[in-house]
Amino acid sequence: MVRSLNTAQRAKAGETKDDSAFYYRVHSPVVLIEYDAQAPLFWNENSTSTP
């Protein structure tokens, strides 16, 4: 696994604001890491919905 870190590729999509949705991915021949943060529904203290 350590040897494959040199060939790892990264991808990112989305904005960098605190309330923005974003996605990132790191992959190599032996590792796949994905994180998809959708638009926050419950982070706003003025929201009337509950999680």
PDB file of N, CA and C in Angstrom:
ATOM      1  N   MET A   1       0.818  -1.189   0.000  1.00  0.00           N
ATOM      2  CA  MET A   1       0.000   0.000   0.000  1.00  0.00           C
ATOM      3  C   MET A   1       0.862   1.254   0.000  1.00  0.00           C
ATOM      4  N   VAL A   2       1.922   1.285   0.779  1.00  0.00           N
ATOM      5  CA  VAL A   2       2.772   2.473   0.854  1.00  0.00           C
ATOM      6  C   VAL A   2       3.384   2.785  -0.507  1.00  0.00           C
ATOM      7  N   ARG A   3       3.773   1.755  -1.243  1.00  0.00           N
ATOM      8  CA  ARG A   3       4.359   1.985  -2.572  1.00  0.00           C
ATOM      9  C   ARG A   3       3.346   2.586  -3.542  1.00  0.00           C
ATOM     10  N   SER A   4       2.071   2.287  -3.351  1.00  0.00           N
ATOM     11  CA  SER A   4       1.062   2.812  -4.269  1.00  0.00           C
ATOM     12  C   SER A   4       0.712   4.273  -3.995  1.00  0.00           C
ATOM     13  N   LEU A   5       1.137   4.830  -2.882  1.00  0.00           N
ATOM     14  CA  LEU A   5       0.842   6.241  -2.591  1.00  0.00           C
ATOM     15  C   LEU A   5       1.478   7.180  -3.608  1.00  0.00           C
ATOM     16  N   ASN A   6       2.585   6.776  -4.189  1.00  0.00           N
ATOM     17  CA  ASN A   6       3.228   7.616  -5.208  1.00  0.00           C
ATOM     18  C   ASN A   6       2.387   7.732  -6.469  1.00  0.00           C
ATOM     19  N   THR A   7       1.508   6.775  -6.700  1.00  0.00           N
ATOM     20  CA  THR A   7       0.671   6.812  -7.899  1.00  0.00           C
ATOM     21  C   THR A   7      -0.761   7.252  -7.594  1.00  0.00           C
ATOM     22  N   ALA A   8      -1.029   7.622  -6.376  1.00  0.00           N
ATOM     23  CA  ALA A   8      -2.385   8.030  -5.988  1.00  0.00           C
ATOM     24  C   ALA A   8      -2.788   9.303  -6.732  1.00  0.00           C
ATOM     25  N   GLN A   9      -4.052   9.352  -7.118  1.00  0.00           N
ATOM     26  CA  GLN A   9      -4.607  10.519  -7.788  1.00  0.00           C
ATOM     27  C   GLN A   9      -5.701  11.116  -6.929  1.00  0.00           C
ATOM     28  N   ARG A  10      -5.852  12.434  -7.026  1.00  0.00           N
ATOM     29  CA  ARG A  10      -6.850  13.140  -6.229  1.00  0.00           C
ATOM     30  C   ARG A  10      -7.794  13.894  -7.146  1.00  0.00           C
ATOM     31  N   ALA A  11      -9.045  14.009  -6.686  1.00  0.00           N
ATOM     32  CA  ALA A  11     -10.042  14.807  -7.394  1.00  0.00           C
ATOM     33  C   ALA A  11     -10.884  15.534  -6.357  1.00  0.00           C
ATOM     34  N   LYS A  12     -11.296  16.752  -6.695  1.00  0.00           N
ATOM     35  CA  LYS A  12     -12.108  17.546  -5.773  1.00  0.00           C
ATOM     36  C   LYS A  12     -13.121  18.329  -6.590  1.00  0.00           C
ATOM     37  N   ALA A  13     -14.325  18.455  -6.052  1.00  0.00           N
ATOM     38  CA  ALA A  13     -15.363  19.255  -6.703  1.00  0.00           C
ATOM     39  C   ALA A  13     -16.143  19.983  -5.620  1.00  0.00           C
ATOM     40  N   GLY A  14     -16.543  21.199  -5.910  1.00  0.00           N
ATOM     41  CA  GLY A  14     -17.336  21.974  -4.963  1.00  0.00           C
ATOM     42  C   GLY A  14     -16.611  23.214  -4.505  1.00  0.00           C
ATOM     43  N   GLU A  15     -17.314  23.981  -3.702  1.00  0.00           N
ATOM     44  CA  GLU A  15     -16.766  25.230  -3.189  1.00  0.00           C
ATOM     45  C   GLU A  15     -16.117  25.019  -1.833  1.00  0.00           C
ATOM     46  N   THR A  16     -15.467  26.045  -1.331  1.00  0.00           N
ATOM     47  CA  THR A  16     -14.763  25.939  -0.049  1.00  0.00           C
ATOM     48  C   THR A  16     -15.487  26.656   1.084  1.00  0.00           C
ATOM     49  N   LYS A  17     -16.684  27.166   0.823  1.00  0.00           N
ATOM     50  CA  LYS A  17     -17.448  27.838   1.878  1.00  0.00           C
ATOM     51  C   LYS A  17     -17.956  26.816   2.894  1.00  0.00           C
ATOM     52  N   ASP A  18     -18.185  27.236   4.124  1.00  0.00           N
ATOM     53  CA  ASP A  18     -18.628  26.339   5.184  1.00  0.00           C
ATOM     54  C   ASP A  18     -19.968  25.673   4.879  1.00  0.00           C
ATOM     55  N   ASP A  19     -20.848  26.357   4.159  1.00  0.00           N
ATOM     56  CA  ASP A  19     -22.176  25.803   3.912  1.00  0.00           C
ATOM     57  C   ASP A  19     -22.347  25.243   2.502  1.00  0.00           C
ATOM     58  N   SER A  20     -21.244  24.947   1.830  1.00  0.00           N
ATOM     59  CA  SER A  20     -21.297  24.426   0.470  1.00  0.00           C
ATOM     60  C   SER A  20     -21.149  22.908   0.446  1.00  0.00           C
ATOM     61  N   ALA A  21     -21.740  22.296  -0.554  1.00  0.00           N
ATOM     62  CA  ALA A  21     -21.547  20.863  -0.776  1.00  0.00           C
ATOM     63  C   ALA A  21     -20.206  20.666  -1.477  1.00  0.00           C
ATOM     64  N   PHE A  22     -19.552  19.542  -1.202  1.00  0.00           N
ATOM     65  CA  PHE A  22     -18.288  19.243  -1.866  1.00  0.00           C
ATOM     66  C   PHE A  22     -18.063  17.746  -1.930  1.00  0.00           C
ATOM     67  N   TYR A  23     -17.091  17.345  -2.738  1.00  0.00           N
ATOM     68  CA  TYR A  23     -16.772  15.940  -2.953  1.00  0.00           C
ATOM     69  C   TYR A  23     -15.272  15.839  -3.132  1.00  0.00           C
ATOM     70  N   TYR A  24     -14.673  14.824  -2.555  1.00  0.00           N
ATOM     71  CA  TYR A  24     -13.285  14.543  -2.888  1.00  0.00           C
ATOM     72  C   TYR A  24     -13.049  13.052  -2.971  1.00  0.00           C
ATOM     73  N   ARG A  25     -12.016  12.698  -3.722  1.00  0.00           N
ATOM     74  CA  ARG A  25     -11.686  11.302  -3.972  1.00  0.00           C
ATOM     75  C   ARG A  25     -10.181  11.163  -4.073  1.00  0.00           C
ATOM     76  N   VAL A  26      -9.647  10.133  -3.445  1.00  0.00           N
ATOM     77  CA  VAL A  26      -8.241   9.751  -3.559  1.00  0.00           C
ATOM     78  C   VAL A  26      -8.249   8.294  -3.980  1.00  0.00           C
ATOM     79  N   HIS A  27      -7.546   7.985  -5.078  1.00  0.00           N
ATOM     80  CA  HIS A  27      -7.508   6.581  -5.488  1.00  0.00           C
ATOM     81  C   HIS A  27      -6.159   6.207  -6.069  1.00  0.00           C
ATOM     82  N   SER A  28      -5.831   4.951  -5.866  1.00  0.00           N
ATOM     83  CA  SER A  28      -4.611   4.346  -6.396  1.00  0.00           C
ATOM     84  C   SER A  28      -4.982   2.911  -6.768  1.00  0.00           C
ATOM     85  N   PRO A  29      -4.049   2.115  -7.236  1.00  0.00           N
ATOM     86  CA  PRO A  29      -4.390   0.726  -7.571  1.00  0.00           C
ATOM     87  C   PRO A  29      -4.925  -0.096  -6.392  1.00  0.00           C
ATOM     88  N   VAL A  30      -4.620   0.290  -5.160  1.00  0.00           N
ATOM     89  CA  VAL A  30      -5.052  -0.520  -4.014  1.00  0.00           C
ATOM     90  C   VAL A  30      -5.891   0.236  -2.995  1.00  0.00           C
ATOM     91  N   VAL A  31      -6.096   1.538  -3.163  1.00  0.00           N
ATOM     92  CA  VAL A  31      -6.842   2.341  -2.184  1.00  0.00           C
ATOM     93  C   VAL A  31      -7.874   3.198  -2.910  1.00  0.00           C
ATOM     94  N   LEU A  32      -9.067   3.291  -2.325  1.00  0.00           N
ATOM     95  CA  LEU A  32     -10.088   4.200  -2.823  1.00  0.00           C
ATOM     96  C   LEU A  32     -10.738   4.872  -1.621  1.00  0.00           C
ATOM     97  N   ILE A  33     -10.661   6.191  -1.574  1.00  0.00           N
ATOM     98  CA  ILE A  33     -11.282   6.972  -0.505  1.00  0.00           C
ATOM     99  C   ILE A  33     -12.166   8.013  -1.178  1.00  0.00           C
ATOM    100  N   GLU A  34     -13.441   8.041  -0.811  1.00  0.00           N
ATOM    101  CA  GLU A  34     -14.364   9.041  -1.329  1.00  0.00           C
ATOM    102  C   GLU A  34     -15.121   9.674  -0.175  1.00  0.00           C
ATOM    103  N   TYR A  35     -15.372  10.965  -0.300  1.00  0.00           N
ATOM    104  CA  TYR A  35     -16.191  11.664   0.690  1.00  0.00           C
ATOM    105  C   TYR A  35     -17.091  12.627  -0.063  1.00  0.00           C
ATOM    106  N   ASP A  36     -18.380  12.526   0.165  1.00  0.00           N
ATOM    107  CA  ASP A  36     -19.363  13.354  -0.523  1.00  0.00           C
ATOM    108  C   ASP A  36     -20.217  14.057   0.523  1.00  0.00           C
ATOM    109  N   ALA A  37     -19.960  15.331   0.736  1.00  0.00           N
ATOM    110  CA  ALA A  37     -20.725  16.123   1.698  1.00  0.00           C
ATOM    111  C   ALA A  37     -21.787  16.891   0.927  1.00  0.00           C
ATOM    112  N   GLN A  38     -23.032  16.461   1.077  1.00  0.00           N
ATOM    113  CA  GLN A  38     -24.143  17.112   0.398  1.00  0.00           C
ATOM    114  C   GLN A  38     -24.418  18.468   1.042  1.00  0.00           C
ATOM    115  N   ALA A  39     -25.255  19.241   0.402  1.00  0.00           N
ATOM    116  CA  ALA A  39     -25.627  20.542   0.956  1.00  0.00           C
ATOM    117  C   ALA A  39     -26.178  20.338   2.367  1.00  0.00           C
ATOM    118  N   PRO A  40     -25.674  21.043   3.314  1.00  0.00           N
ATOM    119  CA  PRO A  40     -26.093  20.832   4.708  1.00  0.00           C
ATOM    120  C   PRO A  40     -27.550  21.202   4.931  1.00  0.00           C
ATOM    121  N   LEU A  41     -28.331  20.254   5.435  1.00  0.00           N
ATOM    122  CA  LEU A  41     -29.739  20.501   5.697  1.00  0.00           C
ATOM    123  C   LEU A  41     -29.978  20.991   7.117  1.00  0.00           C
ATOM    124  N   PHE A  42     -29.165  20.545   8.050  1.00  0.00           N
ATOM    125  CA  PHE A  42     -29.432  20.800   9.457  1.00  0.00           C
ATOM    126  C   PHE A  42     -28.333  21.627  10.124  1.00  0.00           C
ATOM    127  N   TRP A  43     -27.420  22.186   9.361  1.00  0.00           N
ATOM    128  CA  TRP A  43     -26.344  22.971   9.955  1.00  0.00           C
ATOM    129  C   TRP A  43     -26.788  24.391  10.277  1.00  0.00           C
ATOM    130  N   ASN A  44     -27.829  24.845   9.631  1.00  0.00           N
ATOM    131  CA  ASN A  44     -28.311  26.204   9.827  1.00  0.00           C
ATOM    132  C   ASN A  44     -29.175  26.254  11.091  1.00  0.00           C
ATOM    133  N   GLU A  45     -28.838  27.106  12.010  1.00  0.00           N
ATOM    134  CA  GLU A  45     -29.603  27.164  13.265  1.00  0.00           C
ATOM    135  C   GLU A  45     -31.014  27.683  13.059  1.00  0.00           C
ATOM    136  N   ASN A  46     -31.312  28.282  11.906  1.00  0.00           N
ATOM    137  CA  ASN A  46     -32.656  28.780  11.624  1.00  0.00           C
ATOM    138  C   ASN A  46     -33.529  27.734  10.938  1.00  0.00           C
ATOM    139  N   SER A  47     -32.997  26.533  10.739  1.00  0.00           N
ATOM    140  CA  SER A  47     -33.747  25.479  10.074  1.00  0.00           C
ATOM    141  C   SER A  47     -34.909  25.016  10.941  1.00  0.00           C
ATOM    142  N   THR A  48     -36.054  24.746  10.301  1.00  0.00           N
ATOM    143  CA  THR A  48     -37.222  24.266  11.049  1.00  0.00           C
ATOM    144  C   THR A  48     -37.285  22.743  11.073  1.00  0.00           C
ATOM    145  N   SER A  49     -36.424  22.074  10.308  1.00  0.00           N
ATOM    146  CA  SER A  49     -36.409  20.619  10.269  1.00  0.00           C
ATOM    147  C   SER A  49     -35.522  20.074  11.377  1.00  0.00           C
ATOM    148  N   THR A  50     -35.737  18.809  11.706  1.00  0.00           N
ATOM    149  CA  THR A  50     -34.873  18.145  12.679  1.00  0.00           C
ATOM    150  C   THR A  50     -34.240  16.929  12.026  1.00  0.00           C
ATOM    151  N   PRO A  51     -33.011  16.598  12.389  1.00  0.00           N
ATOM    152  CA  PRO A  51     -32.348  15.434  11.757  1.00  0.00           C
ATOM    153  C   PRO A  51     -32.985  14.135  12.186  1.00  0.00           C
TER     154      PRO A  51
END
